[in-house]
Structure formats: structure tokens, C-alpha cells
Amino acid sequence: MAAAEAANVDALIGKLNVAYTRVLAAQGKSVALPAKEINLLSILGQLRDYFLQSLRGDRDICVELFGGSCQRVAHVQAIIESLELSPMNASDQRLRGCIGACASVREVLIDLGLQDALRKAMVKEKEVLAAGGKAEALLETAQTPEVEREEEPDAPTESLDPLAAPMQQRPALGAIVEEEWAQLMGVATCKLGCGRRVAPGVTRSGKKFDTCCRGCATGKAHHKLCGLVDPKMVGEGRCKMGCGRRAAEGYDAKGNPRDTCCRACAEGEPHEDTCSLVGAITDDTASDALDRCDERAFFTEVKTSLPEVQFGRFLEQCRMLREGRMTRAEAVDRIGIILGDRGPQLKSEFERLVAEASTNTASEQAVRFATSPPQEATRTRSQILSEEAGVDLATARKLIKENDRATGAALR
């Protein structure tokens, strides 16, 4: 088991080596850099999950994975500390999560008395990076697949998405949501792990969006409007770009109903003269999503006004409240102290937002319970796995079959 886990981690570190080298090579290339950074962040997200999974599992496996010379965790930590991502991706939550996971692993190793080995490994990895060595040379155990070593041609300049945000553009205020706040408030974030809020509105098939923008969904740069679209400006029959106008009538070349008001708007340009204003939302708040979203406005105010250490304490209180380790009254009092001079004013707003979030969550659960079919007395293995893991039945059946095949168990 431990050998298989070690092989998986080493394979991911091998991919991280290549991704890191390609990010360095793509510096200054506005077309190539976004994709390279997104690929690297995706690998960091997978490593974060492996690190956290090992901490929750058998301690012996964790020690075998990261103990000894402590080279694996030191290698990842050295790359993270040397990263200089563009402003667009510098606050990506996959990077923050991997930093936290590495810190947790280091704490375990220190508790086991491996602080000397960890310190030596960190010094060695940083020295190699400082000397300008490639990331692949840092970890001898990581075997990078040969296919990953092939040079990828840069995309032509013409392929740059006209809606892509410049790499120097920071995310919109409140667009990135830390996990602690998102879980407490029930805020849906991009499924790809960037930490940004999902785009408002629905797909052509009527399902809610589960990514922040098309650019992120396709592994490219975030779009200019990512995090800026007011949820009240989109909806059925309205332009998906958030301008508040009605979508044009008719169908596109693929036979789908049009979901933008005009071609110019779809390309991020001023509206065409022929674009109709009939039925459009034209109030002055259309350009400012924060004024129309109390939860987002509060979170933005706290995040921008508190120092980093105080903001971390704020998130810690949110996490403890979410896990039921303190009452709402206790959390409100502690957060009031953390907020300092603005505590009395903001803590009442925090209490109201938490109460509303709890009510919304309870209402959603009640609706799901009322609309769900009655449970049978006897449940199958796939039904149990589906409920406990939060996956659909087809996925549950597939996982059970793969597990049975791997363990040699007889299928029933």
C-alpha cells in the first residue's frame, strides 16, 4: 500500500517538476503563461489532496511517504516558495491549500523527531533552486515520464481569447473565497479548485454553472468578467455576459438558442447600435456586483481591512463554527474582538448572515428530503457508497467493481 502511494506521489512530483520548468520558460509570454500556470496549480491541488489524505490515514504510511530524508515534502515546499505567479493566479486557493498541507506534514515530521533531517532537506532543495538548477534535478526518486519532457509549441498569438483577462489583472474583490467562509455560508466555488465563485446563471440545459468562467474551465486564462457579473443581471432569457439586456432571438450555427444580446457584447466590446434595449435592466447598480450581494460585500470588507494574521484568525473561527466546535454566540463575540474598532458594527451583520445561511441550508435539505423517493429497508453496496461518498449510483457501481477487481473479491 505504502509503495503504491509513494509511486503516485513521485509521479505527481515528476509532473510538478516539468510544470514548474515550463512556467519559468513561459515568463513574459501572454499566451503561453496562463495555461502553464493553470497546469502547475492543478498538480499542486492533487498533491495537496494526497498530503491531506495521508495525514488522515495510517500514520505509518505517512511516515514512510514523507519521513526518512524528508525530501519529498522539502522538494514541494522549495518549489512553492520559489514560485512567482502572475497577479491573476497568485491568490489561487490550490496554492494556498498546498502550502497549508505542507505545513501540516512538516508539523508531523517535527513531532516524530525528524526536524534535523527536514532542515537539511530544505536547505539542500533551496540551494539547488538558488543555483538555477532545474526542478527535475532536485528529487532523485521522481521519475518524470518521457512524454512530459517533449517541448510543447507555444500557441499562436491569434489564439489568444479576446475575453481573456491580462495576466497582471488581479481577481475582482470578493471573487476568491477561502474554503472556511465558503463552507459556512454555502457559497459555491469553481469545481476546478481555483477558489473563485461559480459564474451566476445556468447553462443551455438549465443546470447551474460549476466553474467560474470558460477560460478556467478550458485550462486557460480567466476571463475579464470572471467574478464581476452581477447574479441579478443574468437569468433565463438574458445575456450571459451580465449586461442586463435580453438575449437575441433566434439560434446560433449549432442550432442552440442565442445566449448573448449581440456579437460585440459576446466579444467583450461595446454593444452594437442595433442591440435592443427592450426589457433590459439599466439601473446604476449593474456595474457593481458587491452592492447587490450582502454576503460578498461583508466578506470583501473583512478581507481587505484585516491584516493577514487577523484574517487567518477570522477564518479559523468560521471553521470552528462550521464544525460545531463553538456556538454562534461564541463565534460572534470572538469575531467582534478580531474585527477591532469595527467589531460592534460588523459582528451583528455577521450574525445575520450566519442565521440566513443556516436557514437556507435547512430549507434546501427539507426540499431534498421531501422530493427524494422513500428508502427501502435493504440497501445495496452501491446505494450505501453513493450516499456516504456523495457520488451518483453509476460512479458508485464503477468504484465497487474496480475495488473488487483489485482485491480479488467475488462480485455479488
Protein backbone atom coordinates (compact mmCIF):
# COMPACT_ATOMS: atom_id res chain seq x y z
CA MET A 1 0.00 0.00 0.00
CA ALA A 2 2.72 2.47 1.01
CA ALA A 3 4.80 1.60 -2.06
CA ALA A 4 1.84 2.34 -4.34
CA GLU A 5 1.16 5.64 -2.58
CA ALA A 6 4.83 6.60 -2.84
CA ALA A 7 4.80 5.83 -6.57
CA ASN A 8 1.72 8.03 -7.03
CA VAL A 9 3.26 10.92 -5.11
CA ASP A 10 6.55 10.60 -7.01
CA ALA A 11 4.66 10.61 -10.30
CA LEU A 12 2.88 13.82 -9.31
CA ILE A 13 6.15 15.39 -8.20
CA GLY A 14 7.65 14.44 -11.55
CA LYS A 15 4.81 16.28 -13.27
CA LEU A 16 5.32 19.21 -10.92
CA ASN A 17 8.97 19.38 -11.96
CA VAL A 18 8.03 19.68 -15.62
CA ALA A 19 5.21 22.15 -14.94
CA TYR A 20 7.50 24.34 -12.84
CA THR A 21 10.20 24.39 -15.53
CA ARG A 22 7.63 25.30 -18.18
CA VAL A 23 6.25 28.15 -16.08
CA LEU A 24 9.76 29.57 -15.82
CA ALA A 25 10.25 29.21 -19.58
CA ALA A 26 6.91 30.91 -20.31
CA GLN A 27 7.63 34.08 -18.35
CA GLY A 28 6.74 37.12 -20.43
CA LYS A 29 4.57 35.14 -22.88
CA SER A 30 1.00 36.36 -22.50
CA VAL A 31 -0.46 33.45 -24.45
CA ALA A 32 1.54 30.53 -23.07
CA LEU A 33 1.92 31.57 -19.43
CA PRO A 34 -1.75 31.27 -18.31
CA ALA A 35 -2.04 27.64 -19.41
CA LYS A 36 1.32 26.75 -17.86
CA GLU A 37 0.35 28.29 -14.52
CA ILE A 38 -3.07 26.64 -14.50
CA ASN A 39 -1.44 23.26 -15.21
CA LEU A 40 1.02 23.75 -12.35
CA LEU A 41 -1.78 24.79 -9.96
CA SER A 42 -3.79 21.72 -10.92
CA ILE A 43 -0.84 19.48 -9.95
CA LEU A 44 -0.41 21.37 -6.67
CA GLY A 45 -4.08 20.71 -5.94
CA GLN A 46 -3.58 16.97 -6.46
CA LEU A 47 -0.51 16.98 -4.21
CA ARG A 48 -2.49 18.86 -1.56
CA ASP A 49 -5.13 16.14 -1.63
CA TYR A 50 -2.50 13.39 -1.31
CA PHE A 51 -0.82 15.14 1.60
CA LEU A 52 -4.07 15.63 3.49
CA GLN A 53 -5.22 12.10 2.75
CA SER A 54 -2.01 10.68 4.17
CA LEU A 55 -2.44 12.74 7.34
CA ARG A 56 -5.95 11.37 7.85
CA GLY A 57 -4.92 7.77 7.19
CA ASP A 58 -2.42 5.34 8.70
CA ARG A 59 0.38 7.25 10.46
CA ASP A 60 2.94 4.62 9.44
CA ILE A 61 2.16 5.21 5.77
CA CYS A 62 2.50 8.96 6.30
CA VAL A 63 5.92 8.45 7.90
CA GLU A 64 7.06 6.15 5.11
CA LEU A 65 5.90 8.67 2.47
CA PHE A 66 7.42 11.81 3.97
CA GLY A 67 9.84 10.64 6.67
CA GLY A 68 13.39 9.39 6.30
CA SER A 69 15.27 12.09 4.43
CA CYS A 70 12.11 14.28 4.30
CA GLN A 71 12.99 15.00 0.69
CA ARG A 72 9.52 14.80 -0.82
CA VAL A 73 7.88 17.47 1.31
CA ALA A 74 11.05 19.62 1.23
CA HIS A 75 11.09 19.42 -2.56
CA VAL A 76 7.47 20.56 -2.93
CA GLN A 77 7.96 23.29 -0.31
CA ALA A 78 11.05 24.62 -2.10
CA ILE A 79 9.22 24.88 -5.41
CA ILE A 80 6.25 26.62 -3.77
CA GLU A 81 8.46 29.17 -2.05
CA SER A 82 10.27 29.98 -5.28
CA LEU A 83 7.08 30.42 -7.31
CA GLU A 84 6.23 33.88 -8.59
CA LEU A 85 2.83 33.52 -10.20
CA SER A 86 1.11 36.28 -12.13
CA PRO A 87 -1.31 38.51 -10.19
CA MET A 88 -4.19 36.67 -11.86
CA ASN A 89 -3.24 33.34 -10.23
CA ALA A 90 -1.20 34.38 -7.19
CA SER A 91 -4.23 34.03 -4.88
CA ASP A 92 -5.39 30.69 -6.30
CA GLN A 93 -6.69 28.50 -3.49
CA ARG A 94 -4.87 25.41 -4.74
CA LEU A 95 -1.59 27.15 -3.95
CA ARG A 96 -2.83 28.20 -0.51
CA GLY A 97 -4.12 24.69 0.19
CA CYS A 98 -0.82 23.05 -0.78
CA ILE A 99 1.10 25.47 1.43
CA GLY A 100 -1.14 24.50 4.34
CA ALA A 101 -0.82 20.78 3.60
CA CYS A 102 2.99 21.01 3.51
CA ALA A 103 2.93 22.84 6.84
CA SER A 104 0.79 20.10 8.38
CA VAL A 105 3.14 17.37 7.14
CA ARG A 106 6.16 19.27 8.48
CA GLU A 107 4.50 19.52 11.91
CA VAL A 108 4.01 15.74 11.97
CA LEU A 109 7.65 15.13 10.99
CA ILE A 110 8.85 17.52 13.69
CA ASP A 111 6.70 15.72 16.28
CA LEU A 112 8.42 12.49 15.22
CA GLY A 113 11.85 14.00 15.91
CA LEU A 114 12.83 14.47 12.25
CA GLN A 115 13.43 18.22 12.47
CA ASP A 116 17.16 17.89 11.67
CA ALA A 117 16.54 15.77 8.56
CA LEU A 118 13.79 18.16 7.48
CA ARG A 119 16.00 21.20 7.93
CA LYS A 120 18.84 19.65 5.94
CA ALA A 121 16.49 18.63 3.14
CA MET A 122 15.01 22.14 2.95
CA VAL A 123 18.48 23.72 2.80
CA LYS A 124 19.56 21.33 0.04
CA GLU A 125 16.47 21.92 -2.12
CA LYS A 126 16.67 25.71 -1.76
CA GLU A 127 20.37 25.74 -2.63
CA VAL A 128 19.76 23.84 -5.86
CA LEU A 129 16.97 26.21 -6.86
CA ALA A 130 19.03 29.26 -5.94
CA ALA A 131 21.86 27.95 -8.11
CA GLY A 132 19.49 27.93 -11.08
CA GLY A 133 19.14 24.17 -11.34
CA LYS A 134 16.12 22.63 -12.97
CA ALA A 135 13.38 21.32 -10.74
CA GLU A 136 13.82 17.80 -12.14
CA ALA A 137 17.28 17.56 -10.59
CA LEU A 138 16.03 18.22 -7.09
CA LEU A 139 14.33 14.93 -6.40
CA GLU A 140 16.13 11.78 -7.42
CA THR A 141 13.17 9.49 -6.73
CA ALA A 142 10.74 11.37 -9.01
CA GLN A 143 10.72 9.78 -12.44
CA THR A 144 9.25 12.15 -14.99
CA PRO A 145 7.51 10.39 -17.92
CA GLU A 146 9.40 10.90 -21.15
CA VAL A 147 6.29 12.18 -22.89
CA GLU A 148 6.27 15.08 -20.44
CA ARG A 149 9.77 16.09 -21.46
CA GLU A 150 8.74 16.83 -25.02
CA GLU A 151 8.68 20.52 -25.80
CA GLU A 152 5.22 21.93 -26.44
CA PRO A 153 4.98 24.56 -29.16
CA ASP A 154 3.59 27.85 -27.93
CA ALA A 155 0.11 28.75 -29.08
CA PRO A 156 -0.02 31.35 -31.86
CA THR A 157 -0.83 34.90 -30.84
CA GLU A 158 -4.09 34.74 -32.79
CA SER A 159 -5.37 32.03 -30.43
CA LEU A 160 -5.50 34.49 -27.50
CA ASP A 161 -9.08 34.67 -26.25
CA PRO A 162 -10.35 38.24 -26.73
CA LEU A 163 -12.22 37.86 -23.42
CA ALA A 164 -9.13 36.68 -21.51
CA ALA A 165 -8.05 38.97 -18.69
CA PRO A 166 -4.47 40.32 -18.75
CA MET A 167 -2.08 38.30 -16.58
CA GLN A 168 -1.41 41.41 -14.46
CA GLN A 169 -5.10 41.82 -13.63
CA ARG A 170 -5.93 40.73 -10.11
CA PRO A 171 -9.20 38.89 -9.36
CA ALA A 172 -12.22 41.07 -8.62
CA LEU A 173 -12.80 41.95 -4.97
CA GLY A 174 -14.56 39.10 -3.22
CA ALA A 175 -14.30 36.80 -6.25
CA ILE A 176 -11.95 34.38 -4.47
CA VAL A 177 -13.50 32.78 -1.40
CA GLU A 178 -11.50 30.91 1.24
CA GLU A 179 -12.78 27.41 1.96
CA GLU A 180 -13.75 28.19 5.56
CA TRP A 181 -16.08 31.01 4.55
CA ALA A 182 -17.49 29.17 1.54
CA GLN A 183 -18.49 26.16 3.66
CA LEU A 184 -20.00 28.31 6.40
CA MET A 185 -22.05 30.46 4.01
CA GLY A 186 -22.84 27.76 1.45
CA VAL A 187 -21.01 29.64 -1.32
CA ALA A 188 -20.48 27.55 -4.45
CA THR A 189 -16.92 27.76 -5.77
CA CYS A 190 -15.33 26.62 -9.02
CA LYS A 191 -15.04 22.84 -9.19
CA LEU A 192 -11.52 23.13 -10.62
CA GLY A 193 -10.25 24.39 -7.27
CA CYS A 194 -9.18 27.95 -8.14
CA GLY A 195 -11.30 29.24 -5.26
CA ARG A 196 -13.35 31.71 -7.32
CA ARG A 197 -17.13 31.87 -7.09
CA VAL A 198 -19.02 29.95 -9.74
CA ALA A 199 -20.42 32.03 -12.57
CA PRO A 200 -24.01 33.12 -11.98
CA GLY A 201 -26.75 31.84 -14.25
CA VAL A 202 -27.36 28.49 -15.89
CA THR A 203 -26.13 26.50 -18.87
CA ARG A 204 -28.14 25.98 -22.04
CA SER A 205 -29.57 22.83 -20.49
CA GLY A 206 -30.76 24.71 -17.42
CA LYS A 207 -28.11 23.48 -14.96
CA LYS A 208 -26.24 25.86 -12.68
CA PHE A 209 -22.67 26.65 -13.68
CA ASP A 210 -20.00 24.77 -11.70
CA THR A 211 -16.96 26.72 -12.91
CA CYS A 212 -16.06 30.41 -12.58
CA CYS A 213 -15.63 31.12 -16.31
CA ARG A 214 -14.99 29.43 -19.63
CA GLY A 215 -11.31 30.32 -19.53
CA CYS A 216 -10.76 28.42 -16.27
CA ALA A 217 -12.91 25.52 -17.50
CA THR A 218 -10.69 25.12 -20.57
CA GLY A 219 -7.38 25.48 -18.70
CA LYS A 220 -6.63 28.96 -19.96
CA ALA A 221 -6.61 32.47 -18.52
CA HIS A 222 -9.62 33.66 -16.54
CA HIS A 223 -12.00 35.90 -18.43
CA LYS A 224 -12.22 39.67 -17.96
CA LEU A 225 -15.68 39.36 -16.42
CA CYS A 226 -14.79 36.48 -14.09
CA GLY A 227 -16.18 37.47 -10.69
CA LEU A 228 -17.74 40.70 -11.97
CA VAL A 229 -21.11 39.54 -13.27
CA ASP A 230 -24.00 40.56 -11.02
CA PRO A 231 -26.21 37.48 -10.39
CA LYS A 232 -29.30 39.69 -10.72
CA MET A 233 -28.31 40.74 -14.23
CA VAL A 234 -28.39 37.24 -15.70
CA GLY A 235 -31.00 34.55 -15.84
CA GLU A 236 -33.40 32.92 -18.25
CA GLY A 237 -33.66 34.90 -21.45
CA ARG A 238 -30.92 37.38 -20.52
CA CYS A 239 -27.44 37.91 -21.95
CA LYS A 240 -24.92 35.65 -20.20
CA MET A 241 -22.32 38.44 -20.26
CA GLY A 242 -24.16 40.20 -17.42
CA CYS A 243 -25.06 43.39 -19.28
CA GLY A 244 -28.72 43.06 -18.25
CA ARG A 245 -30.10 43.03 -21.80
CA ARG A 246 -32.32 40.35 -23.27
CA ALA A 247 -30.62 37.62 -25.30
CA ALA A 248 -31.05 37.96 -29.04
CA GLU A 249 -33.82 35.94 -30.62
CA GLY A 250 -33.08 33.01 -32.88
CA TYR A 251 -30.47 30.25 -32.92
CA ASP A 252 -26.73 30.04 -33.47
CA ALA A 253 -24.92 27.97 -36.12
CA LYS A 254 -25.18 24.85 -33.94
CA GLY A 255 -28.93 25.18 -33.54
CA ASN A 256 -28.80 26.36 -29.91
CA PRO A 257 -30.81 29.35 -28.67
CA ARG A 258 -28.70 32.51 -28.57
CA ASP A 259 -27.46 33.39 -25.08
CA THR A 260 -25.94 36.83 -25.71
CA CYS A 261 -27.53 40.09 -26.80
CA CYS A 262 -25.20 40.79 -29.72
CA ARG A 263 -21.89 39.67 -31.18
CA ALA A 264 -19.99 42.71 -29.89
CA CYS A 265 -21.07 42.05 -26.30
CA ALA A 266 -20.09 38.40 -26.64
CA GLU A 267 -16.60 39.52 -27.65
CA GLY A 268 -16.25 41.99 -24.78
CA GLU A 269 -16.77 45.07 -26.95
CA PRO A 270 -19.36 47.91 -26.67
CA HIS A 271 -22.85 46.92 -27.79
CA GLU A 272 -23.82 47.15 -31.44
CA ASP A 273 -26.10 50.01 -32.45
CA THR A 274 -28.81 47.52 -33.36
CA CYS A 275 -28.69 45.76 -29.96
CA SER A 276 -32.13 46.18 -28.41
CA LEU A 277 -32.69 47.82 -25.02
CA VAL A 278 -36.21 46.47 -24.71
CA GLY A 279 -36.60 44.65 -21.39
CA ALA A 280 -33.04 45.47 -20.28
CA ILE A 281 -32.04 46.12 -16.68
CA THR A 282 -30.44 49.52 -16.85
CA ASP A 283 -30.14 50.69 -13.23
CA ASP A 284 -26.87 52.12 -11.94
CA THR A 285 -26.04 49.07 -9.85
CA ALA A 286 -25.46 46.87 -12.89
CA SER A 287 -21.73 47.56 -12.88
CA ASP A 288 -21.14 46.78 -9.21
CA ALA A 289 -21.84 43.22 -8.05
CA LEU A 290 -20.76 43.98 -4.49
CA ASP A 291 -23.68 46.35 -3.86
CA ARG A 292 -26.12 43.59 -4.74
CA CYS A 293 -24.63 40.80 -2.62
CA ASP A 294 -24.58 41.32 1.17
CA GLU A 295 -22.51 38.21 1.88
CA ARG A 296 -19.89 39.13 -0.69
CA ALA A 297 -19.76 42.77 0.46
CA PHE A 298 -19.21 41.71 4.08
CA PHE A 299 -16.51 39.18 3.17
CA THR A 300 -14.73 41.71 0.96
CA GLU A 301 -14.79 44.32 3.72
CA VAL A 302 -13.29 41.87 6.24
CA LYS A 303 -10.66 40.51 3.86
CA THR A 304 -9.42 43.90 2.72
CA SER A 305 -9.44 45.61 6.12
CA LEU A 306 -7.88 42.95 8.36
CA PRO A 307 -4.14 42.16 8.45
CA GLU A 308 -3.21 38.71 7.21
CA VAL A 309 -2.81 37.23 10.70
CA GLN A 310 -6.12 38.62 11.91
CA PHE A 311 -7.88 37.42 8.77
CA GLY A 312 -6.49 33.93 9.41
CA ARG A 313 -7.98 34.05 12.90
CA PHE A 314 -11.31 35.13 11.42
CA LEU A 315 -11.29 32.11 9.09
CA GLU A 316 -10.38 29.85 12.00
CA GLN A 317 -13.49 31.00 13.91
CA CYS A 318 -15.60 30.36 10.81
CA ARG A 319 -14.22 26.83 10.53
CA MET A 320 -14.83 26.06 14.21
CA LEU A 321 -18.40 27.37 13.95
CA ARG A 322 -18.97 25.28 10.85
CA GLU A 323 -17.68 22.15 12.62
CA GLY A 324 -19.90 22.79 15.66
CA ARG A 325 -16.96 23.37 18.00
CA MET A 326 -18.46 26.61 19.27
CA THR A 327 -21.88 28.19 19.46
CA ARG A 328 -22.99 31.02 17.21
CA ALA A 329 -22.95 33.46 20.14
CA GLU A 330 -19.36 32.49 20.99
CA ALA A 331 -18.26 32.90 17.39
CA VAL A 332 -19.94 36.31 17.13
CA ASP A 333 -18.19 37.55 20.29
CA ARG A 334 -14.77 36.28 19.20
CA ILE A 335 -15.10 37.70 15.70
CA GLY A 336 -16.21 41.02 17.18
CA ILE A 337 -12.89 41.15 19.07
CA ILE A 338 -10.90 40.18 15.94
CA LEU A 339 -12.58 42.92 13.90
CA GLY A 340 -11.34 45.53 16.37
CA ASP A 341 -12.83 49.03 16.08
CA ARG A 342 -15.40 47.89 13.53
CA GLY A 343 -16.37 44.87 15.61
CA PRO A 344 -19.64 46.22 17.06
CA GLN A 345 -20.84 47.28 13.62
CA LEU A 346 -19.82 44.18 11.68
CA LYS A 347 -20.48 41.41 14.19
CA SER A 348 -24.24 41.99 14.06
CA GLU A 349 -24.02 41.74 10.27
CA PHE A 350 -22.03 38.51 10.62
CA GLU A 351 -24.66 37.05 12.95
CA ARG A 352 -27.42 37.90 10.47
CA LEU A 353 -25.53 36.33 7.55
CA VAL A 354 -24.87 33.12 9.51
CA ALA A 355 -28.54 32.89 10.50
CA GLU A 356 -29.64 33.37 6.88
CA ALA A 357 -27.14 30.78 5.64
CA SER A 358 -28.37 28.25 8.23
CA THR A 359 -31.99 28.88 7.23
CA ASN A 360 -31.20 28.47 3.53
CA THR A 361 -29.30 25.24 4.16
CA ALA A 362 -32.14 23.81 6.26
CA SER A 363 -34.67 24.77 3.57
CA GLU A 364 -32.63 23.09 0.84
CA GLN A 365 -32.30 19.92 2.90
CA ALA A 366 -36.03 19.90 3.58
CA VAL A 367 -36.78 20.25 -0.14
CA ARG A 368 -34.39 17.39 -1.00
CA PHE A 369 -35.93 15.20 1.68
CA ALA A 370 -39.49 15.94 0.51
CA THR A 371 -38.69 15.25 -3.13
CA SER A 372 -36.47 12.19 -2.59
CA PRO A 373 -38.01 8.71 -3.07
CA PRO A 374 -38.67 6.61 0.04
CA GLN A 375 -35.74 4.49 1.17
CA GLU A 376 -36.07 0.74 1.07
CA ALA A 377 -35.30 -1.36 4.13
CA THR A 378 -32.40 -3.11 2.39
CA ARG A 379 -29.82 -1.06 0.52
CA THR A 380 -27.23 -2.28 -1.94
CA ARG A 381 -23.50 -1.63 -1.64
CA SER A 382 -23.68 0.94 -4.43
CA GLN A 383 -26.54 2.82 -2.71
CA ILE A 384 -24.61 2.96 0.56
CA LEU A 385 -21.43 4.18 -1.17
CA SER A 386 -23.42 6.72 -3.21
CA GLU A 387 -24.94 8.26 -0.08
CA GLU A 388 -21.78 8.24 2.03
CA ALA A 389 -19.37 9.46 -0.68
CA GLY A 390 -21.77 11.87 -2.36
CA VAL A 391 -21.44 10.32 -5.84
CA ASP A 392 -24.06 9.07 -8.27
CA LEU A 393 -25.03 5.37 -8.46
CA ALA A 394 -23.20 4.77 -11.73
CA THR A 395 -19.95 6.08 -10.26
CA ALA A 396 -20.51 4.10 -7.08
CA ARG A 397 -21.02 0.86 -9.03
CA LYS A 398 -17.87 1.56 -11.07
CA LEU A 399 -15.81 2.16 -7.91
CA ILE A 400 -17.08 -1.04 -6.31
CA LYS A 401 -16.25 -3.09 -9.41
CA GLU A 402 -12.73 -1.61 -9.57
CA ASN A 403 -12.21 -2.31 -5.87
CA ASP A 404 -13.46 -5.89 -6.19
CA ARG A 405 -11.27 -6.47 -9.21
CA ALA A 406 -8.22 -5.09 -7.42
CA THR A 407 -8.75 -7.09 -4.24
CA GLY A 408 -9.85 -10.26 -5.94
CA ALA A 409 -13.17 -10.29 -4.08
CA ALA A 410 -16.02 -12.18 -5.63
CA LEU A 411 -18.68 -9.94 -7.14
CA ARG A 412 -22.13 -10.27 -5.66
